[in-house]
N, C-alpha and C. Protein backbone atom coordinates (compact mmCIF):
# COMPACT_ATOMS: atom_id res chain seq x y z
N MET A 1 0.84 -1.19 0.00
CA MET A 1 0.00 0.00 0.00
C MET A 1 0.89 1.25 0.00
N ILE A 2 0.44 2.26 -0.75
CA ILE A 2 1.14 3.54 -0.72
C ILE A 2 0.26 4.56 0.00
N THR A 3 0.87 5.64 0.40
CA THR A 3 0.11 6.70 1.06
C THR A 3 -0.36 7.71 0.03
N TRP A 4 -1.28 8.57 0.46
CA TRP A 4 -1.75 9.64 -0.41
C TRP A 4 -0.57 10.54 -0.79
N ASP A 5 0.31 10.79 0.17
CA ASP A 5 1.50 11.61 -0.12
C ASP A 5 2.35 10.97 -1.22
N ASP A 6 2.47 9.64 -1.22
CA ASP A 6 3.21 8.95 -2.28
C ASP A 6 2.56 9.21 -3.63
N PHE A 7 1.25 9.07 -3.69
CA PHE A 7 0.52 9.27 -4.95
C PHE A 7 0.67 10.69 -5.46
N GLU A 8 0.63 11.67 -4.56
CA GLU A 8 0.73 13.07 -4.97
C GLU A 8 2.09 13.41 -5.57
N LYS A 9 3.09 12.59 -5.34
CA LYS A 9 4.42 12.82 -5.92
C LYS A 9 4.44 12.49 -7.41
N VAL A 10 3.51 11.69 -7.87
CA VAL A 10 3.48 11.28 -9.28
C VAL A 10 2.74 12.35 -10.09
N GLU A 11 3.46 12.95 -11.04
CA GLU A 11 2.87 13.98 -11.91
C GLU A 11 2.31 13.29 -13.15
N ILE A 12 1.01 13.12 -13.19
CA ILE A 12 0.34 12.52 -14.35
C ILE A 12 -0.43 13.64 -15.03
N ARG A 13 -0.07 13.87 -16.29
CA ARG A 13 -0.66 15.01 -17.00
C ARG A 13 -1.13 14.61 -18.39
N ILE A 14 -1.96 15.46 -18.97
CA ILE A 14 -2.47 15.23 -20.32
C ILE A 14 -1.66 16.03 -21.32
N GLY A 15 -1.42 15.43 -22.47
CA GLY A 15 -0.70 16.11 -23.54
C GLY A 15 -1.18 15.64 -24.90
N THR A 16 -0.80 16.37 -25.92
CA THR A 16 -1.17 16.04 -27.29
C THR A 16 0.07 15.63 -28.07
N ILE A 17 -0.02 14.50 -28.75
CA ILE A 17 1.08 14.02 -29.58
C ILE A 17 1.20 14.95 -30.79
N VAL A 18 2.39 15.55 -30.94
CA VAL A 18 2.60 16.49 -32.05
C VAL A 18 3.54 15.93 -33.11
N GLU A 19 4.24 14.84 -32.78
CA GLU A 19 5.14 14.22 -33.75
C GLU A 19 5.30 12.74 -33.43
N VAL A 20 5.30 11.91 -34.47
CA VAL A 20 5.47 10.46 -34.31
C VAL A 20 6.49 9.98 -35.33
N ASN A 21 7.48 9.24 -34.85
CA ASN A 21 8.50 8.69 -35.75
C ASN A 21 8.71 7.21 -35.45
N ASP A 22 9.11 6.48 -36.47
CA ASP A 22 9.50 5.09 -36.26
C ASP A 22 10.74 5.07 -35.37
N PHE A 23 10.93 3.95 -34.67
CA PHE A 23 12.08 3.80 -33.78
C PHE A 23 12.75 2.46 -34.06
N PRO A 24 13.44 2.34 -35.19
CA PRO A 24 14.00 1.05 -35.59
C PRO A 24 15.08 0.52 -34.65
N LYS A 25 15.73 1.36 -33.88
CA LYS A 25 16.79 0.91 -32.97
C LYS A 25 16.26 0.39 -31.64
N ALA A 26 14.97 0.53 -31.38
CA ALA A 26 14.39 0.04 -30.13
C ALA A 26 14.43 -1.48 -30.10
N LYS A 27 14.65 -2.03 -28.92
CA LYS A 27 14.70 -3.48 -28.73
C LYS A 27 13.36 -4.12 -29.10
N ASN A 28 12.28 -3.50 -28.66
CA ASN A 28 10.92 -3.95 -28.99
C ASN A 28 10.28 -2.90 -29.89
N PRO A 29 9.36 -3.29 -30.79
CA PRO A 29 8.74 -2.32 -31.69
C PRO A 29 8.15 -1.13 -30.91
N ALA A 30 8.51 0.07 -31.34
CA ALA A 30 8.08 1.28 -30.64
C ALA A 30 8.08 2.47 -31.59
N TYR A 31 7.42 3.53 -31.14
CA TYR A 31 7.48 4.82 -31.81
C TYR A 31 8.21 5.80 -30.91
N GLN A 32 8.80 6.81 -31.53
CA GLN A 32 9.30 7.97 -30.80
C GLN A 32 8.22 9.04 -30.90
N LEU A 33 7.77 9.50 -29.74
CA LEU A 33 6.71 10.51 -29.71
C LEU A 33 7.25 11.82 -29.18
N LYS A 34 6.70 12.92 -29.68
CA LYS A 34 6.92 14.23 -29.09
C LYS A 34 5.53 14.69 -28.64
N ILE A 35 5.42 15.04 -27.36
CA ILE A 35 4.11 15.33 -26.76
C ILE A 35 4.12 16.74 -26.16
N ASP A 36 3.10 17.52 -26.50
CA ASP A 36 2.95 18.89 -26.00
C ASP A 36 2.15 18.86 -24.70
N PHE A 37 2.80 19.29 -23.60
CA PHE A 37 2.14 19.36 -22.29
C PHE A 37 1.84 20.81 -21.90
N GLY A 38 1.57 21.65 -22.86
CA GLY A 38 1.19 23.04 -22.58
C GLY A 38 2.28 23.78 -21.83
N ASP A 39 1.92 24.39 -20.71
CA ASP A 39 2.87 25.18 -19.91
C ASP A 39 4.03 24.35 -19.38
N PHE A 40 3.92 23.02 -19.40
CA PHE A 40 4.98 22.14 -18.90
C PHE A 40 5.95 21.73 -20.01
N GLY A 41 5.74 22.27 -21.20
CA GLY A 41 6.67 22.05 -22.30
C GLY A 41 6.38 20.80 -23.12
N THR A 42 7.29 20.54 -24.03
CA THR A 42 7.20 19.38 -24.91
C THR A 42 8.18 18.34 -24.42
N LYS A 43 7.72 17.09 -24.35
CA LYS A 43 8.57 15.99 -23.90
C LYS A 43 8.57 14.87 -24.92
N LYS A 44 9.66 14.11 -24.92
CA LYS A 44 9.79 12.96 -25.82
C LYS A 44 9.50 11.67 -25.05
N SER A 45 8.98 10.69 -25.77
CA SER A 45 8.71 9.39 -25.15
C SER A 45 8.89 8.28 -26.18
N SER A 46 9.43 7.17 -25.72
CA SER A 46 9.45 5.95 -26.52
C SER A 46 8.24 5.13 -26.07
N ALA A 47 7.39 4.75 -27.01
CA ALA A 47 6.16 4.06 -26.64
C ALA A 47 5.97 2.80 -27.49
N GLN A 48 5.80 1.68 -26.81
CA GLN A 48 5.59 0.39 -27.48
C GLN A 48 4.11 0.21 -27.78
N ILE A 49 3.62 1.00 -28.71
CA ILE A 49 2.19 1.02 -29.03
C ILE A 49 1.94 0.73 -30.51
N THR A 50 2.85 0.01 -31.13
CA THR A 50 2.77 -0.22 -32.58
C THR A 50 1.74 -1.28 -32.97
N LYS A 51 1.31 -2.13 -32.04
CA LYS A 51 0.36 -3.19 -32.40
C LYS A 51 -1.02 -2.64 -32.75
N LEU A 52 -1.46 -1.62 -32.06
CA LEU A 52 -2.82 -1.12 -32.26
C LEU A 52 -2.89 0.25 -32.92
N TYR A 53 -1.75 0.95 -33.02
CA TYR A 53 -1.78 2.34 -33.50
C TYR A 53 -0.78 2.55 -34.63
N THR A 54 -1.22 3.25 -35.67
CA THR A 54 -0.32 3.69 -36.72
C THR A 54 0.14 5.11 -36.39
N LYS A 55 1.16 5.56 -37.07
CA LYS A 55 1.64 6.92 -36.86
C LYS A 55 0.53 7.93 -37.18
N GLU A 56 -0.23 7.66 -38.23
CA GLU A 56 -1.30 8.57 -38.63
C GLU A 56 -2.40 8.64 -37.57
N MET A 57 -2.68 7.54 -36.91
CA MET A 57 -3.70 7.52 -35.86
C MET A 57 -3.27 8.32 -34.64
N LEU A 58 -1.97 8.39 -34.39
CA LEU A 58 -1.46 9.01 -33.16
C LEU A 58 -1.30 10.52 -33.25
N ALA A 59 -1.00 11.03 -34.42
CA ALA A 59 -0.79 12.47 -34.57
C ALA A 59 -2.04 13.24 -34.14
N GLY A 60 -1.89 14.14 -33.17
CA GLY A 60 -3.01 14.93 -32.68
C GLY A 60 -3.80 14.29 -31.56
N LYS A 61 -3.49 13.06 -31.20
CA LYS A 61 -4.22 12.35 -30.14
C LYS A 61 -3.75 12.81 -28.77
N GLN A 62 -4.69 13.02 -27.87
CA GLN A 62 -4.34 13.34 -26.49
C GLN A 62 -4.06 12.04 -25.73
N VAL A 63 -3.01 12.09 -24.90
CA VAL A 63 -2.62 10.93 -24.10
C VAL A 63 -2.35 11.38 -22.67
N ILE A 64 -2.25 10.41 -21.80
CA ILE A 64 -1.97 10.65 -20.39
C ILE A 64 -0.60 10.06 -20.10
N ALA A 65 0.24 10.83 -19.40
CA ALA A 65 1.61 10.38 -19.17
C ALA A 65 2.12 10.82 -17.81
N VAL A 66 3.05 10.03 -17.27
CA VAL A 66 3.80 10.43 -16.07
C VAL A 66 4.95 11.29 -16.57
N VAL A 67 5.05 12.52 -16.05
CA VAL A 67 6.04 13.46 -16.58
C VAL A 67 7.19 13.75 -15.63
N ASN A 68 7.21 13.11 -14.46
CA ASN A 68 8.30 13.42 -13.52
C ASN A 68 9.20 12.22 -13.18
N PHE A 69 9.27 11.25 -14.08
CA PHE A 69 10.31 10.22 -13.97
C PHE A 69 11.61 10.83 -14.49
N PRO A 70 12.76 10.34 -14.03
CA PRO A 70 14.00 10.84 -14.63
C PRO A 70 14.09 10.36 -16.08
N PRO A 71 14.78 11.12 -16.94
CA PRO A 71 14.95 10.69 -18.33
C PRO A 71 15.60 9.30 -18.39
N LYS A 72 15.19 8.53 -19.40
CA LYS A 72 15.70 7.16 -19.55
C LYS A 72 16.21 6.99 -20.98
N GLN A 73 17.43 6.48 -21.11
CA GLN A 73 17.96 6.25 -22.45
C GLN A 73 17.49 4.89 -22.96
N ILE A 74 16.91 4.92 -24.15
CA ILE A 74 16.46 3.71 -24.82
C ILE A 74 17.14 3.73 -26.19
N ALA A 75 18.08 2.82 -26.38
CA ALA A 75 18.93 2.83 -27.59
C ALA A 75 19.58 4.21 -27.70
N ASN A 76 19.38 4.90 -28.81
CA ASN A 76 19.99 6.21 -29.01
C ASN A 76 19.03 7.37 -28.73
N PHE A 77 18.00 7.12 -27.92
CA PHE A 77 16.91 8.08 -27.69
C PHE A 77 16.72 8.29 -26.20
N ILE A 78 16.47 9.53 -25.79
CA ILE A 78 16.18 9.83 -24.39
C ILE A 78 14.68 10.01 -24.24
N SER A 79 14.06 9.13 -23.44
CA SER A 79 12.63 9.20 -23.17
C SER A 79 12.43 10.02 -21.89
N GLU A 80 11.56 11.04 -21.97
CA GLU A 80 11.38 11.97 -20.86
C GLU A 80 10.07 11.81 -20.11
N CYS A 81 9.20 10.96 -20.59
CA CYS A 81 7.93 10.73 -19.90
C CYS A 81 7.43 9.33 -20.24
N LEU A 82 6.48 8.84 -19.46
CA LEU A 82 5.92 7.51 -19.66
C LEU A 82 4.46 7.64 -20.05
N VAL A 83 4.14 7.30 -21.29
CA VAL A 83 2.76 7.31 -21.77
C VAL A 83 2.05 6.11 -21.15
N LEU A 84 0.85 6.34 -20.61
CA LEU A 84 0.13 5.29 -19.90
C LEU A 84 -0.88 4.58 -20.78
N GLY A 85 -1.02 3.28 -20.54
CA GLY A 85 -1.98 2.47 -21.27
C GLY A 85 -2.29 1.19 -20.51
N VAL A 86 -3.29 0.51 -21.00
CA VAL A 86 -3.71 -0.78 -20.45
C VAL A 86 -2.98 -1.88 -21.23
N VAL A 87 -2.43 -2.85 -20.52
CA VAL A 87 -1.74 -3.96 -21.17
C VAL A 87 -2.75 -5.06 -21.43
N GLY A 88 -2.99 -5.34 -22.71
CA GLY A 88 -3.95 -6.37 -23.10
C GLY A 88 -3.39 -7.77 -22.99
N ALA A 89 -4.23 -8.75 -23.27
CA ALA A 89 -3.87 -10.17 -23.15
C ALA A 89 -2.69 -10.56 -24.04
N GLU A 90 -2.56 -9.91 -25.19
CA GLU A 90 -1.47 -10.21 -26.13
C GLU A 90 -0.33 -9.20 -26.00
N LYS A 91 -0.24 -8.54 -24.86
CA LYS A 91 0.79 -7.52 -24.57
C LYS A 91 0.62 -6.26 -25.43
N GLU A 92 -0.54 -6.10 -26.07
CA GLU A 92 -0.81 -4.87 -26.81
C GLU A 92 -1.17 -3.78 -25.80
N ILE A 93 -0.81 -2.55 -26.13
CA ILE A 93 -1.08 -1.42 -25.24
C ILE A 93 -2.26 -0.63 -25.78
N ILE A 94 -3.26 -0.42 -24.93
CA ILE A 94 -4.42 0.40 -25.24
C ILE A 94 -4.23 1.71 -24.49
N LEU A 95 -4.07 2.80 -25.22
CA LEU A 95 -3.77 4.08 -24.60
C LEU A 95 -4.89 4.58 -23.70
N LEU A 96 -4.49 5.19 -22.58
CA LEU A 96 -5.44 5.92 -21.74
C LEU A 96 -5.60 7.30 -22.34
N GLN A 97 -6.82 7.77 -22.42
CA GLN A 97 -7.05 9.11 -22.95
C GLN A 97 -8.33 9.68 -22.36
N PRO A 98 -8.48 11.00 -22.38
CA PRO A 98 -9.69 11.59 -21.80
C PRO A 98 -10.91 11.31 -22.67
N GLU A 99 -12.06 11.35 -22.07
CA GLU A 99 -13.28 11.10 -22.84
C GLU A 99 -13.74 12.33 -23.61
N ARG A 100 -13.08 13.47 -23.39
CA ARG A 100 -13.31 14.69 -24.17
C ARG A 100 -12.03 15.51 -24.17
N PRO A 101 -11.85 16.41 -25.12
CA PRO A 101 -10.61 17.19 -25.16
C PRO A 101 -10.39 17.98 -23.87
N ALA A 102 -9.13 18.08 -23.47
CA ALA A 102 -8.76 18.82 -22.26
C ALA A 102 -7.52 19.65 -22.56
N THR A 103 -7.28 20.64 -21.77
CA THR A 103 -6.14 21.53 -21.94
C THR A 103 -4.85 20.78 -21.66
N ASN A 104 -3.90 20.85 -22.60
CA ASN A 104 -2.60 20.19 -22.41
C ASN A 104 -1.94 20.67 -21.12
N GLY A 105 -1.41 19.74 -20.37
CA GLY A 105 -0.71 20.05 -19.13
C GLY A 105 -1.54 19.88 -17.88
N LEU A 106 -2.86 19.76 -18.02
CA LEU A 106 -3.68 19.58 -16.82
C LEU A 106 -3.27 18.29 -16.11
N ARG A 107 -3.33 18.35 -14.78
CA ARG A 107 -2.92 17.22 -13.95
C ARG A 107 -4.07 16.24 -13.79
N ILE A 108 -3.74 14.96 -13.83
CA ILE A 108 -4.71 13.90 -13.58
C ILE A 108 -4.80 13.70 -12.08
N ALA A 109 -6.01 13.63 -11.58
CA ALA A 109 -6.21 13.48 -10.13
C ALA A 109 -7.09 12.27 -9.85
């Protein structure tokens, strides 16, 4: 069990994907994303979401991400946030997203 104080340390925010690129050097199939978090800036993320999403489907999509993990190097790429999703039975990732548009950078509570 974690405390409420523990949970409040996790910065989960909404952002809009503004750029999607293939990531051929990733160990597992992934995209390189650039996500706009409004006043919190633009962050990069490596996301293993290629089973259910094409690059065209992702451009402009709002996603939910943890933005206060330390940067992580994945192959030759620095990932600055963790895009959240549900792990399906076949290890496919189903993205978490708001049920209506929201302002980039708003905190998830």
